[in-house]
């Protein structure tokens, strides 16, 4: 399975040149940013006691900011109307059980034609095409399909959990480079998003994408490969949070257990080849109580023995719960949080035989999660920023033709790449550093380049558009404003907008500056009220339309550039 000679960078470079997109650049981390300094001093209190405090718009918005990629006004209001955290969390955990419709060939164009898949038909069951350029178009079709799911998904946790597991079991498209394999891996994570963690670990271990990414398909008795055996323990289950952990010998013995798994490229499945398996006795260290795993003609049974041994360690539950906490709540885990949140969550995890949903449910329903200090305490990841802007403004990705659909989704993924979070390509097997790298954590998302590119993206949506051959993606400013109760009142309109778009209040000085945009610098509220009513009474009048549109466009531009908009 030789690597590609045509890479994603080649593809993106070609489109960046053709459509004048901003450059993708390497991270240039700013270790301290005064605009976000407050988030680093918080200590969030409370434990897993169920939250029974006030339930209104603010609490519903906080929940949706964390478990989706942004929410609309109507989605927040619908969740707030449920009356309490218990019912709201039940609702967002009620994820669809049927898989979404698969990606299709929306990429045929004058420069490339898929030789076996017709336009509009799915390619996920088609044979792997060893023409690297065809496979990369399929990969971008899959990546765009996933991006669109994140934009269009209902207000539930499924796609955010899929991203969590993608970060946890990180694989990279440039290493796997087959669209069908990547799609199957992504579907595996989605189908098991709230299922059983132990079952998911086994499924990922045998998944063709992981077998390729960490060389499992090359692991044999005659040439053992330790890559997956190491990451299984270090990144996927045990971790290295405690000084007492597995040994190098444990990595070597686990690698022997995992020998013999291969990939059938015809149907893209894995199978066990006993001719490549090490049937010798595998003896593990005192960390695993000297466990011995005997060779077995069933590779699956031997793998079960390995996972049974690993999952007997309390560290599995603790390590996984810390990762869930840092993804959904906050990066800082102090002694109080470890005692009052992580350890009880880990116990729930073990008590429920490593089912994921009870753990997520307990966390999201807790006093700790809804603690006021928790609101707006971390920097949005790039997907929350890019896709959340679209979702906040109830904006879908256009696609008047199949190729326009593919191209627009490519654009959006290009922007996520400029912000250092391209889905399908975490930087390495450990995932994105913002969720694991002390002491910076979320501040990795903000650099000189990425902050500029965040503003480039939102400025394009508010003041211009993102074009394809036949479509334009832009915010409908007037429709967005018209949904609020009193759009003619500049004070009420601004309050309603800020409540939806920002997780924390802003100063009176900032609010007055924003209001001055609606008033065109005048002091009298009537300047906006008159302009809005003139448009409503005569929407076909171009001057009335332009007056309202430009004021709203610049208002939205400045709101989306605020430091507070970068927080969740």
Protein backbone atom coordinates (compact mmCIF):
# COMPACT_ATOMS: atom_id res chain seq x y z
CA UNK A 1 0.00 0.00 0.00
CA UNK A 2 2.29 2.73 -1.29
CA UNK A 3 1.73 6.33 -0.28
CA UNK A 4 0.36 8.97 -2.65
CA UNK A 5 2.41 11.20 -4.90
CA UNK A 6 -0.46 13.70 -5.14
CA UNK A 7 -1.21 15.24 -1.74
CA UNK A 8 -3.91 17.29 -0.06
CA UNK A 9 -1.50 20.22 -0.04
CA UNK A 10 -1.25 19.94 -3.84
CA UNK A 11 -5.02 20.03 -4.13
CA UNK A 12 -5.49 22.92 -1.72
CA UNK A 13 -2.62 24.87 -3.25
CA UNK A 14 -4.21 24.56 -6.66
CA UNK A 15 -7.57 25.84 -5.43
CA UNK A 16 -5.99 28.55 -3.27
CA UNK A 17 -4.28 29.93 -6.35
CA UNK A 18 -7.35 29.64 -8.54
CA UNK A 19 -9.80 31.22 -6.09
CA UNK A 20 -7.46 33.61 -4.24
CA UNK A 21 -7.86 32.04 -0.81
CA UNK A 22 -5.70 33.10 2.16
CA UNK A 23 -2.55 31.01 2.67
CA UNK A 24 -2.31 28.10 5.07
CA UNK A 25 0.68 28.52 7.32
CA UNK A 26 2.42 26.75 10.16
CA UNK A 27 1.39 27.61 13.72
CA UNK A 28 3.12 30.55 15.34
CA UNK A 29 1.85 30.15 18.87
CA UNK A 30 1.40 33.21 21.00
CA UNK A 31 1.93 31.89 24.54
CA UNK A 32 0.13 34.79 26.22
CA UNK A 33 -2.74 36.80 24.77
CA UNK A 34 -4.09 39.49 27.05
CA UNK A 35 -7.49 39.23 25.42
CA UNK A 36 -7.92 35.75 26.85
CA UNK A 37 -5.92 36.00 30.09
CA UNK A 38 -8.96 35.78 32.36
CA UNK A 39 -9.84 32.30 31.14
CA UNK A 40 -6.61 30.94 32.53
CA UNK A 41 -7.30 31.97 36.15
CA UNK A 42 -10.65 30.27 36.64
CA UNK A 43 -11.26 27.51 39.11
CA UNK A 44 -14.68 26.02 38.50
CA UNK A 45 -16.42 24.69 41.58
CA UNK A 46 -19.31 22.30 42.12
CA UNK A 47 -19.50 18.56 41.69
CA UNK A 48 -21.73 16.00 39.98
CA UNK A 49 -24.80 16.87 42.03
CA UNK A 50 -27.59 17.36 39.46
CA UNK A 51 -28.11 21.00 38.52
CA UNK A 52 -31.45 22.35 39.78
CA UNK A 53 -30.77 26.05 39.37
CA UNK A 54 -32.36 28.56 37.02
CA UNK A 55 -33.19 27.26 33.57
CA UNK A 56 -33.59 29.86 30.87
CA UNK A 57 -32.10 31.07 27.59
CA UNK A 58 -28.60 31.50 29.00
CA UNK A 59 -28.32 27.96 30.37
CA UNK A 60 -29.73 26.42 27.18
CA UNK A 61 -27.32 28.46 25.06
CA UNK A 62 -24.38 27.34 27.20
CA UNK A 63 -25.32 23.68 26.78
CA UNK A 64 -25.68 24.03 23.00
CA UNK A 65 -22.40 25.91 22.64
CA UNK A 66 -20.60 22.99 24.22
CA UNK A 67 -22.32 19.99 22.62
CA UNK A 68 -22.96 21.34 19.09
CA UNK A 69 -21.09 23.59 16.67
CA UNK A 70 -23.28 26.58 17.46
CA UNK A 71 -27.01 27.14 17.68
CA UNK A 72 -29.77 29.26 16.20
CA UNK A 73 -32.12 31.45 18.20
CA UNK A 74 -34.98 29.00 17.71
CA UNK A 75 -32.88 26.05 18.86
CA UNK A 76 -31.88 27.82 22.06
CA UNK A 77 -35.46 28.86 22.76
CA UNK A 78 -36.77 25.32 22.15
CA UNK A 79 -34.27 23.89 24.62
CA UNK A 80 -34.99 26.59 27.17
CA UNK A 81 -38.70 25.79 26.92
CA UNK A 82 -38.07 22.26 28.26
CA UNK A 83 -37.93 23.76 31.74
CA UNK A 84 -34.75 22.28 33.20
CA UNK A 85 -31.34 20.77 32.66
CA UNK A 86 -32.55 17.19 33.12
CA UNK A 87 -34.99 17.29 30.19
CA UNK A 88 -32.64 19.40 28.06
CA UNK A 89 -29.70 17.03 28.43
CA UNK A 90 -31.95 14.05 27.71
CA UNK A 91 -32.98 15.81 24.51
CA UNK A 92 -29.45 16.54 23.28
CA UNK A 93 -28.35 12.97 24.09
CA UNK A 94 -31.23 11.53 22.06
CA UNK A 95 -29.12 11.05 18.93
CA UNK A 96 -30.29 9.42 15.68
CA UNK A 97 -29.61 5.71 15.47
CA UNK A 98 -29.69 5.49 11.68
CA UNK A 99 -26.59 6.60 9.77
CA UNK A 100 -26.76 9.74 7.62
CA UNK A 101 -26.93 9.35 3.86
CA UNK A 102 -23.39 8.71 2.57
CA UNK A 103 -21.30 11.15 0.53
CA UNK A 104 -21.70 11.11 -3.22
CA UNK A 105 -19.67 11.90 -6.31
CA UNK A 106 -20.08 15.67 -6.35
CA UNK A 107 -16.54 16.25 -7.59
CA UNK A 108 -16.58 15.38 -11.31
CA UNK A 109 -15.35 18.45 -13.17
CA UNK A 110 -13.55 19.34 -16.41
CA UNK A 111 -10.23 18.43 -14.81
CA UNK A 112 -11.21 15.06 -13.30
CA UNK A 113 -13.79 12.31 -13.86
CA UNK A 114 -14.26 9.37 -11.53
CA UNK A 115 -13.97 6.34 -13.82
CA UNK A 116 -16.41 4.10 -11.90
CA UNK A 117 -18.80 6.35 -9.93
CA UNK A 118 -21.38 8.45 -11.74
CA UNK A 119 -22.21 11.97 -10.54
CA UNK A 120 -24.75 11.87 -7.72
CA UNK A 121 -23.98 8.26 -6.80
CA UNK A 122 -22.16 7.29 -3.64
CA UNK A 123 -18.56 6.21 -3.90
CA UNK A 124 -18.32 4.64 -0.41
CA UNK A 125 -18.95 1.13 -1.78
CA UNK A 126 -16.85 1.61 -4.92
CA UNK A 127 -13.47 -0.12 -5.29
CA UNK A 128 -10.50 1.81 -4.01
CA UNK A 129 -8.98 3.81 -6.86
CA UNK A 130 -5.21 3.72 -6.77
CA UNK A 131 -5.14 6.88 -8.86
CA UNK A 132 -4.16 9.22 -6.04
CA UNK A 133 -5.92 12.24 -7.53
CA UNK A 134 -9.27 10.43 -7.71
CA UNK A 135 -8.88 9.29 -4.12
CA UNK A 136 -8.09 12.80 -2.96
CA UNK A 137 -11.22 14.15 -4.60
CA UNK A 138 -13.14 11.41 -2.79
CA UNK A 139 -11.42 12.33 0.47
CA UNK A 140 -12.48 15.97 0.05
CA UNK A 141 -15.98 14.75 -0.79
CA UNK A 142 -16.01 12.86 2.52
CA UNK A 143 -14.51 15.76 4.44
CA UNK A 144 -17.05 18.17 2.94
CA UNK A 145 -19.86 15.73 3.71
CA UNK A 146 -18.80 15.64 7.37
CA UNK A 147 -18.52 19.44 7.51
CA UNK A 148 -22.03 19.71 6.13
CA UNK A 149 -23.30 17.27 8.75
CA UNK A 150 -21.80 19.50 11.43
CA UNK A 151 -23.52 22.55 9.92
CA UNK A 152 -26.90 20.92 9.35
CA UNK A 153 -27.12 18.53 12.29
CA UNK A 154 -29.99 18.94 14.74
CA UNK A 155 -29.20 20.29 18.20
CA UNK A 156 -27.86 17.03 19.58
CA UNK A 157 -24.41 15.79 20.59
CA UNK A 158 -23.74 13.19 17.89
CA UNK A 159 -21.42 15.16 15.61
CA UNK A 160 -19.54 16.77 18.52
CA UNK A 161 -18.99 13.33 20.05
CA UNK A 162 -17.82 12.07 16.66
CA UNK A 163 -15.24 14.86 16.66
CA UNK A 164 -14.25 13.98 20.24
CA UNK A 165 -13.51 10.39 19.21
CA UNK A 166 -11.75 11.60 16.07
CA UNK A 167 -9.42 13.59 18.31
CA UNK A 168 -9.06 10.62 20.69
CA UNK A 169 -8.43 7.97 18.00
CA UNK A 170 -6.67 10.36 15.67
CA UNK A 171 -5.94 9.25 12.12
CA UNK A 172 -4.72 11.43 9.26
CA UNK A 173 -5.96 11.43 5.68
CA UNK A 174 -2.46 11.85 4.29
CA UNK A 175 -1.40 8.60 5.94
CA UNK A 176 -4.54 6.59 5.13
CA UNK A 177 -5.29 8.30 1.77
CA UNK A 178 -8.31 6.18 0.79
CA UNK A 179 -11.69 7.89 0.96
CA UNK A 180 -13.67 4.71 1.56
CA UNK A 181 -11.43 3.69 4.46
CA UNK A 182 -11.72 7.14 6.06
CA UNK A 183 -15.50 7.19 5.61
CA UNK A 184 -15.85 3.79 7.28
CA UNK A 185 -13.66 4.92 10.18
CA UNK A 186 -15.71 8.09 10.62
CA UNK A 187 -18.94 6.10 10.57
CA UNK A 188 -17.53 3.74 13.18
CA UNK A 189 -16.92 6.66 15.54
CA UNK A 190 -20.37 8.10 14.86
CA UNK A 191 -22.20 4.81 15.39
CA UNK A 192 -20.43 4.29 18.71
CA UNK A 193 -20.45 7.93 19.82
CA UNK A 194 -22.41 7.22 23.01
CA UNK A 195 -22.01 3.44 23.05
CA UNK A 196 -19.58 1.17 24.87
CA UNK A 197 -16.00 2.41 25.10
CA UNK A 198 -14.43 -1.03 25.40
CA UNK A 199 -16.28 -2.22 22.30
CA UNK A 200 -15.22 0.93 20.49
CA UNK A 201 -11.56 0.37 21.38
CA UNK A 202 -11.73 -3.15 19.96
CA UNK A 203 -13.48 -1.98 16.80
CA UNK A 204 -10.93 0.82 16.27
CA UNK A 205 -8.07 -1.63 16.86
CA UNK A 206 -9.29 -3.72 13.93
CA UNK A 207 -10.48 -0.85 11.76
CA UNK A 208 -8.63 -0.64 8.41
CA UNK A 209 -7.95 3.09 8.86
CA UNK A 210 -6.16 2.50 12.15
CA UNK A 211 -4.42 -0.61 10.84
CA UNK A 212 -2.96 1.55 8.07
CA UNK A 213 -2.26 4.65 10.15
CA UNK A 214 -0.29 2.90 12.89
CA UNK A 215 1.14 0.07 10.77
CA UNK A 216 -0.96 -2.67 12.34
CA UNK A 217 -1.35 -4.34 8.95
CA UNK A 218 2.45 -4.81 8.89
CA UNK A 219 2.70 -6.27 12.40
CA UNK A 220 3.84 -9.89 12.25
CA UNK A 221 5.61 -12.50 14.38
CA UNK A 222 8.73 -12.17 12.26
CA UNK A 223 8.70 -8.36 12.26
CA UNK A 224 6.68 -7.03 15.23
CA UNK A 225 5.56 -3.40 15.01
CA UNK A 226 4.95 -1.64 18.32
CA UNK A 227 3.22 1.50 17.06
CA UNK A 228 -0.38 0.60 17.83
CA UNK A 229 0.44 -1.38 20.98
CA UNK A 230 2.12 1.73 22.39
CA UNK A 231 -0.65 4.19 21.47
CA UNK A 232 -3.34 1.78 22.63
CA UNK A 233 -1.97 2.15 26.13
CA UNK A 234 -0.46 5.65 26.10
CA UNK A 235 -3.15 7.58 24.18
CA UNK A 236 -6.28 5.46 23.92
CA UNK A 237 -6.76 3.79 27.32
CA UNK A 238 -4.21 4.06 30.18
CA UNK A 239 -2.43 7.34 29.52
CA UNK A 240 0.69 8.51 31.28
CA UNK A 241 -0.89 10.81 33.86
CA UNK A 242 0.52 8.74 36.72
CA UNK A 243 4.19 7.76 37.18
CA UNK A 244 3.09 4.16 37.76
CA UNK A 245 2.08 2.90 34.34
CA UNK A 246 2.79 0.22 31.75
CA UNK A 247 6.37 -0.67 30.79
CA UNK A 248 8.24 -1.00 27.52
CA UNK A 249 7.97 -4.76 27.93
CA UNK A 250 4.18 -4.38 28.11
CA UNK A 251 4.27 -2.55 24.78
CA UNK A 252 6.32 -5.34 23.25
CA UNK A 253 4.05 -8.08 24.59
CA UNK A 254 0.91 -6.24 23.44
CA UNK A 255 2.43 -5.90 19.98
CA UNK A 256 2.86 -9.69 19.89
CA UNK A 257 -0.82 -10.13 20.79
CA UNK A 258 -1.77 -7.89 17.87
CA UNK A 259 0.27 -9.66 15.19
CA UNK A 260 -1.49 -11.07 12.15
CA UNK A 261 -4.26 -8.56 11.42
CA UNK A 262 -4.50 -7.69 7.74
CA UNK A 263 -6.69 -5.68 5.35
CA UNK A 264 -8.78 -7.04 2.50
CA UNK A 265 -8.63 -4.19 -0.02
CA UNK A 266 -11.50 -5.64 -2.06
CA UNK A 267 -14.21 -5.06 0.55
CA UNK A 268 -12.11 -2.82 2.85
CA UNK A 269 -12.35 -5.07 5.89
CA UNK A 270 -9.86 -6.52 8.32
CA UNK A 271 -9.12 -10.20 8.85
CA UNK A 272 -6.82 -12.35 10.95
CA UNK A 273 -4.03 -14.27 9.23
CA UNK A 274 -2.72 -16.91 11.68
CA UNK A 275 0.41 -17.42 9.53
CA UNK A 276 1.61 -13.98 10.63
CA UNK A 277 0.62 -14.33 14.28
CA UNK A 278 2.90 -14.92 17.27
CA UNK A 279 1.38 -17.86 19.16
CA UNK A 280 3.86 -17.68 21.99
CA UNK A 281 2.98 -16.87 25.59
CA UNK A 282 2.84 -13.14 26.37
CA UNK A 283 3.74 -12.16 29.93
CA UNK A 284 3.02 -8.68 31.23
CA UNK A 285 4.56 -6.63 34.03
CA UNK A 286 3.53 -6.15 37.64
CA UNK A 287 1.51 -3.13 36.53
CA UNK A 288 -0.86 -5.66 34.96
CA UNK A 289 -0.40 -8.09 37.87
CA UNK A 290 1.87 -10.35 35.84
CA UNK A 291 -0.96 -11.34 33.50
CA UNK A 292 -0.16 -14.06 30.98
CA UNK A 293 -1.96 -14.22 27.64
CA UNK A 294 -1.63 -17.49 25.80
CA UNK A 295 -1.52 -17.79 22.04
CA UNK A 296 -4.90 -18.48 20.45
CA UNK A 297 -5.99 -19.51 16.97
CA UNK A 298 -8.66 -16.82 17.30
CA UNK A 299 -6.98 -13.45 17.04
CA UNK A 300 -10.19 -11.83 18.24
CA UNK A 301 -10.20 -13.89 21.45
CA UNK A 302 -6.58 -12.99 22.16
CA UNK A 303 -7.38 -9.33 21.59
CA UNK A 304 -10.27 -9.66 24.05
CA UNK A 305 -7.84 -11.01 26.64
CA UNK A 306 -5.58 -8.01 26.08
CA UNK A 307 -8.44 -5.53 26.46
CA UNK A 308 -9.82 -7.34 29.52
CA UNK A 309 -6.40 -6.94 31.13
CA UNK A 310 -6.14 -3.24 30.23
CA UNK A 311 -9.68 -2.38 31.30
CA UNK A 312 -9.12 -3.85 34.75
CA UNK A 313 -6.98 -0.79 35.45
CA UNK A 314 -8.77 2.14 37.09
CA UNK A 315 -6.58 4.47 35.05
CA UNK A 316 -8.64 3.72 31.92
CA UNK A 317 -11.76 5.36 33.33
CA UNK A 318 -9.87 8.24 34.95
CA UNK A 319 -7.87 9.02 31.82
CA UNK A 320 -10.90 8.94 29.52
CA UNK A 321 -13.00 11.08 31.85
CA UNK A 322 -10.26 13.71 31.98
CA UNK A 323 -10.28 13.85 28.19
CA UNK A 324 -14.07 14.23 28.12
CA UNK A 325 -13.82 16.97 30.72
CA UNK A 326 -11.20 18.94 28.81
CA UNK A 327 -13.20 18.65 25.60
CA UNK A 328 -16.60 19.67 26.98
CA UNK A 329 -15.90 21.71 30.12
CA UNK A 330 -12.47 23.24 30.78
CA UNK A 331 -8.81 22.41 30.49
CA UNK A 332 -7.83 22.97 34.11
CA UNK A 333 -8.26 19.94 36.37
CA UNK A 334 -7.21 20.92 39.87
CA UNK A 335 -7.32 18.74 42.98
CA UNK A 336 -10.92 19.69 43.77
CA UNK A 337 -12.08 18.90 40.24
CA UNK A 338 -10.23 15.59 40.28
CA UNK A 339 -11.90 14.62 43.57
CA UNK A 340 -15.39 16.01 42.97
CA UNK A 341 -15.83 15.44 39.25
CA UNK A 342 -13.28 13.16 37.60
CA UNK A 343 -13.19 10.39 40.20
CA UNK A 344 -17.01 10.14 40.51
CA UNK A 345 -17.32 10.17 36.72
CA UNK A 346 -14.76 7.37 36.48
CA UNK A 347 -16.74 5.36 39.00
CA UNK A 348 -19.90 5.84 36.92
CA UNK A 349 -17.92 4.70 33.88
CA UNK A 350 -16.79 1.50 35.58
CA UNK A 351 -20.17 0.83 37.19
CA UNK A 352 -21.79 0.98 33.76
CA UNK A 353 -19.33 -1.45 32.17
CA UNK A 354 -17.67 1.43 30.25
CA UNK A 355 -20.83 2.68 28.55
CA UNK A 356 -20.20 6.25 27.46
CA UNK A 357 -23.66 7.82 27.68
CA UNK A 358 -24.07 7.60 31.50
CA UNK A 359 -20.77 9.45 31.94
CA UNK A 360 -21.62 12.24 29.50
CA UNK A 361 -25.10 12.50 30.97
CA UNK A 362 -23.82 12.87 34.53
CA UNK A 363 -21.32 15.52 33.45
CA UNK A 364 -23.78 17.60 31.42
CA UNK A 365 -26.47 17.47 34.13
CA UNK A 366 -24.11 18.48 36.91
CA UNK A 367 -23.87 21.63 38.97
CA UNK A 368 -20.26 21.76 37.87
CA UNK A 369 -21.12 21.99 34.18
CA UNK A 370 -23.57 24.85 34.74
CA UNK A 371 -21.40 26.76 37.18
CA UNK A 372 -21.49 30.41 36.09
CA UNK A 373 -17.69 30.54 35.90
CA UNK A 374 -17.81 27.82 33.29
CA UNK A 375 -19.59 30.03 30.75
CA UNK A 376 -17.25 31.50 28.17
CA UNK A 377 -14.15 30.15 29.89
CA UNK A 378 -12.39 28.62 26.91
CA UNK A 379 -11.40 29.66 23.40
CA UNK A 380 -13.57 28.23 20.65
CA UNK A 381 -11.94 25.62 18.54
CA UNK A 382 -11.78 26.52 14.82
CA UNK A 383 -14.75 24.34 13.90
CA UNK A 384 -16.89 26.01 16.55
CA UNK A 385 -15.80 29.35 15.10
CA UNK A 386 -16.21 28.59 11.40
CA UNK A 387 -19.30 26.40 11.57
CA UNK A 388 -20.79 28.09 14.63
CA UNK A 389 -20.94 31.38 12.73
CA UNK A 390 -22.98 29.68 10.02
CA UNK A 391 -25.24 27.97 12.54
CA UNK A 392 -25.74 31.13 14.63
CA UNK A 393 -26.91 32.98 11.52
CA UNK A 394 -28.99 30.01 10.29
CA UNK A 395 -26.90 29.82 7.10
CA UNK A 396 -26.60 26.65 5.02
CA UNK A 397 -23.87 25.83 2.54
CA UNK A 398 -25.20 26.43 -0.99
CA UNK A 399 -24.76 24.01 -3.86
CA UNK A 400 -26.78 24.73 -6.99
CA UNK A 401 -24.75 22.08 -8.81
CA UNK A 402 -22.95 19.03 -7.47
CA UNK A 403 -19.57 20.56 -8.17
CA UNK A 404 -20.56 23.86 -6.54
CA UNK A 405 -21.54 21.83 -3.49
CA UNK A 406 -18.15 20.11 -3.42
CA UNK A 407 -16.30 23.36 -4.02
CA UNK A 408 -18.13 25.32 -1.31
CA UNK A 409 -17.44 22.60 1.24
CA UNK A 410 -13.81 22.61 0.14
CA UNK A 411 -13.72 26.35 0.79
CA UNK A 412 -15.04 25.90 4.32
CA UNK A 413 -12.54 23.15 5.01
CA UNK A 414 -9.82 25.35 3.63
CA UNK A 415 -10.71 27.99 6.20
CA UNK A 416 -10.67 25.42 9.02
CA UNK A 417 -7.20 24.48 7.79
CA UNK A 418 -6.01 28.09 7.99
CA UNK A 419 -7.17 28.00 11.63
CA UNK A 420 -5.20 24.76 12.28
CA UNK A 421 -8.14 22.35 12.66
CA UNK A 422 -8.85 20.57 9.41
CA UNK A 423 -11.19 17.62 10.10
CA UNK A 424 -9.49 14.40 9.14
CA UNK A 425 -6.02 15.78 9.76
CA UNK A 426 -5.14 16.27 13.42
CA UNK A 427 -1.42 17.03 13.67
CA UNK A 428 -0.49 13.56 14.91
CA UNK A 429 -1.80 10.45 16.64
CA UNK A 430 -2.20 12.39 19.91
CA UNK A 431 -4.78 14.72 18.37
CA UNK A 432 -4.90 18.50 18.56
CA UNK A 433 -2.61 19.98 21.25
CA UNK A 434 -5.33 22.31 22.54
CA UNK A 435 -6.93 19.34 24.31
CA UNK A 436 -3.81 17.86 25.84
CA UNK A 437 -0.79 20.16 25.85
CA UNK A 438 -0.05 21.81 29.19
CA UNK A 439 0.07 24.65 30.08
CA UNK A 440 -1.30 26.39 26.97
CA UNK A 441 -4.23 24.12 26.08
CA UNK A 442 -6.92 26.18 24.29
CA UNK A 443 -4.58 29.11 23.70
CA UNK A 444 -3.01 27.00 20.94
CA UNK A 445 -5.99 28.04 18.83
CA UNK A 446 -4.94 31.70 18.84
CA UNK A 447 -1.81 32.74 16.97
CA UNK A 448 -0.89 35.77 14.92
CA UNK A 449 -1.96 33.90 11.78
CA UNK A 450 -5.07 32.17 13.07
CA UNK A 451 -6.57 35.25 14.74
CA UNK A 452 -6.14 37.16 11.50
CA UNK A 453 -7.69 34.29 9.54
CA UNK A 454 -10.63 34.08 11.93
CA UNK A 455 -11.36 37.70 11.09
CA UNK A 456 -10.76 37.16 7.36
CA UNK A 457 -13.42 34.44 7.41
CA UNK A 458 -16.07 36.37 9.34
CA UNK A 459 -15.35 39.58 7.41
CA UNK A 460 -15.96 37.69 4.16
CA UNK A 461 -19.29 36.38 5.45
CA UNK A 462 -20.47 39.76 6.75
CA UNK A 463 -19.17 42.31 4.24
CA UNK A 464 -18.70 40.25 1.07
CA UNK A 465 -19.23 36.57 0.26
CA UNK A 466 -17.46 33.30 -0.38
CA UNK A 467 -18.10 32.40 -4.04
CA UNK A 468 -18.07 29.23 -6.09
CA UNK A 469 -18.75 28.93 -9.83
CA UNK A 470 -22.49 29.62 -9.40
CA UNK A 471 -23.12 30.29 -5.71
CA UNK A 472 -22.27 32.74 -2.96
CA UNK A 473 -22.10 32.06 0.77
CA UNK A 474 -22.93 35.10 2.89
CA UNK A 475 -24.91 36.11 5.94
CA UNK A 476 -28.46 37.35 5.42
CA UNK A 477 -28.23 40.26 7.84
CA UNK A 478 -31.79 41.50 7.56
CA UNK A 479 -33.40 38.07 7.99
CA UNK A 480 -31.19 37.47 11.02
CA UNK A 481 -32.28 40.76 12.64
CA UNK A 482 -35.95 40.30 11.74
CA UNK A 483 -36.24 37.11 13.81
CA UNK A 484 -35.88 39.02 17.08
CA UNK A 485 -38.88 40.44 18.94
CA UNK A 486 -38.16 44.16 18.54
CA UNK A 487 -35.73 44.68 15.65
CA UNK A 488 -36.79 48.31 15.33
CA UNK A 489 -35.46 49.06 18.85
CA UNK A 490 -31.66 49.32 18.69
CA UNK A 491 -31.26 48.53 22.39
CA UNK A 492 -33.47 45.43 22.37
CA UNK A 493 -32.03 44.23 19.06
CA UNK A 494 -28.45 44.56 20.25
CA UNK A 495 -29.21 42.81 23.54
CA UNK A 496 -30.90 39.91 21.74
CA UNK A 497 -28.07 39.54 19.25
CA UNK A 498 -25.37 39.59 21.89
CA UNK A 499 -27.23 37.08 24.04
CA UNK A 500 -27.17 34.60 21.16
CA UNK A 501 -23.73 35.33 19.73
CA UNK A 502 -21.63 35.89 22.86
CA UNK A 503 -21.26 33.61 25.90
CA UNK A 504 -20.44 36.47 28.28
CA UNK A 505 -21.61 40.09 28.69
CA UNK A 506 -19.56 42.89 27.23
CA UNK A 507 -18.77 46.25 28.77
CA UNK A 508 -21.07 49.24 28.43
CA UNK A 509 -18.35 51.00 26.41
CA UNK A 510 -18.25 48.19 23.85
CA UNK A 511 -22.02 48.01 23.68
CA UNK A 512 -22.31 51.76 23.08
CA UNK A 513 -19.74 51.50 20.28
CA UNK A 514 -21.77 48.71 18.67
CA UNK A 515 -24.99 50.66 19.05
CA UNK A 516 -23.39 53.67 17.35
CA UNK A 517 -23.07 51.55 14.20
CA UNK A 518 -26.84 51.09 14.05
CA UNK A 519 -27.29 54.82 14.68
CA UNK A 520 -24.64 55.85 12.14
CA UNK A 521 -22.89 57.72 14.91
CA UNK A 522 -25.98 59.69 15.92
CA UNK A 523 -27.26 59.94 19.51
CA UNK A 524 -30.97 59.42 18.87
CA UNK A 525 -32.38 55.86 18.75
CA UNK A 526 -34.86 57.06 16.16
CA UNK A 527 -32.15 57.00 13.51
CA UNK A 528 -32.27 53.20 13.55
CA UNK A 529 -35.99 52.85 14.24
CA UNK A 530 -36.85 55.08 11.28
CA UNK A 531 -34.43 53.24 8.99
CA UNK A 532 -35.82 49.83 9.97
CA UNK A 533 -39.46 50.89 9.62
CA UNK A 534 -38.77 52.51 6.25
CA UNK A 535 -37.39 49.21 5.00
CA UNK A 536 -40.23 47.11 6.48
CA UNK A 537 -42.85 49.40 4.93
CA UNK A 538 -41.17 49.37 1.52
CA UNK A 539 -38.74 46.42 1.22
CA UNK A 540 -38.38 46.88 -2.55
CA UNK A 541 -36.90 50.35 -2.05
CA UNK A 542 -33.19 49.88 -2.72
CA UNK A 543 -32.10 52.87 -0.66
CA UNK A 544 -34.10 51.71 2.36
CA UNK A 545 -32.69 48.21 1.97
CA UNK A 546 -29.10 49.40 1.63
CA UNK A 547 -29.36 51.67 4.67
CA UNK A 548 -30.43 48.78 6.90
CA UNK A 549 -28.16 46.19 5.28
CA UNK A 550 -24.94 48.19 5.61
CA UNK A 551 -25.55 49.11 9.23
CA UNK A 552 -26.30 45.50 10.15
CA UNK A 553 -23.38 44.18 8.10
CA UNK A 554 -20.88 46.39 9.91
CA UNK A 555 -22.50 45.66 13.26
CA UNK A 556 -22.15 41.91 12.68
CA UNK A 557 -18.58 42.33 11.45
CA UNK A 558 -17.56 44.05 14.67
CA UNK A 559 -19.43 41.61 16.90
CA UNK A 560 -17.73 38.66 15.20
CA UNK A 561 -14.34 40.31 15.62
CA UNK A 562 -14.79 40.80 19.38
CA UNK A 563 -12.57 38.78 21.72
CA UNK A 564 -15.76 37.56 23.41
CA UNK A 565 -16.92 35.93 20.17
CA UNK A 566 -13.80 33.76 20.27
CA UNK A 567 -15.00 32.22 23.55
CA UNK A 568 -17.46 29.43 24.30
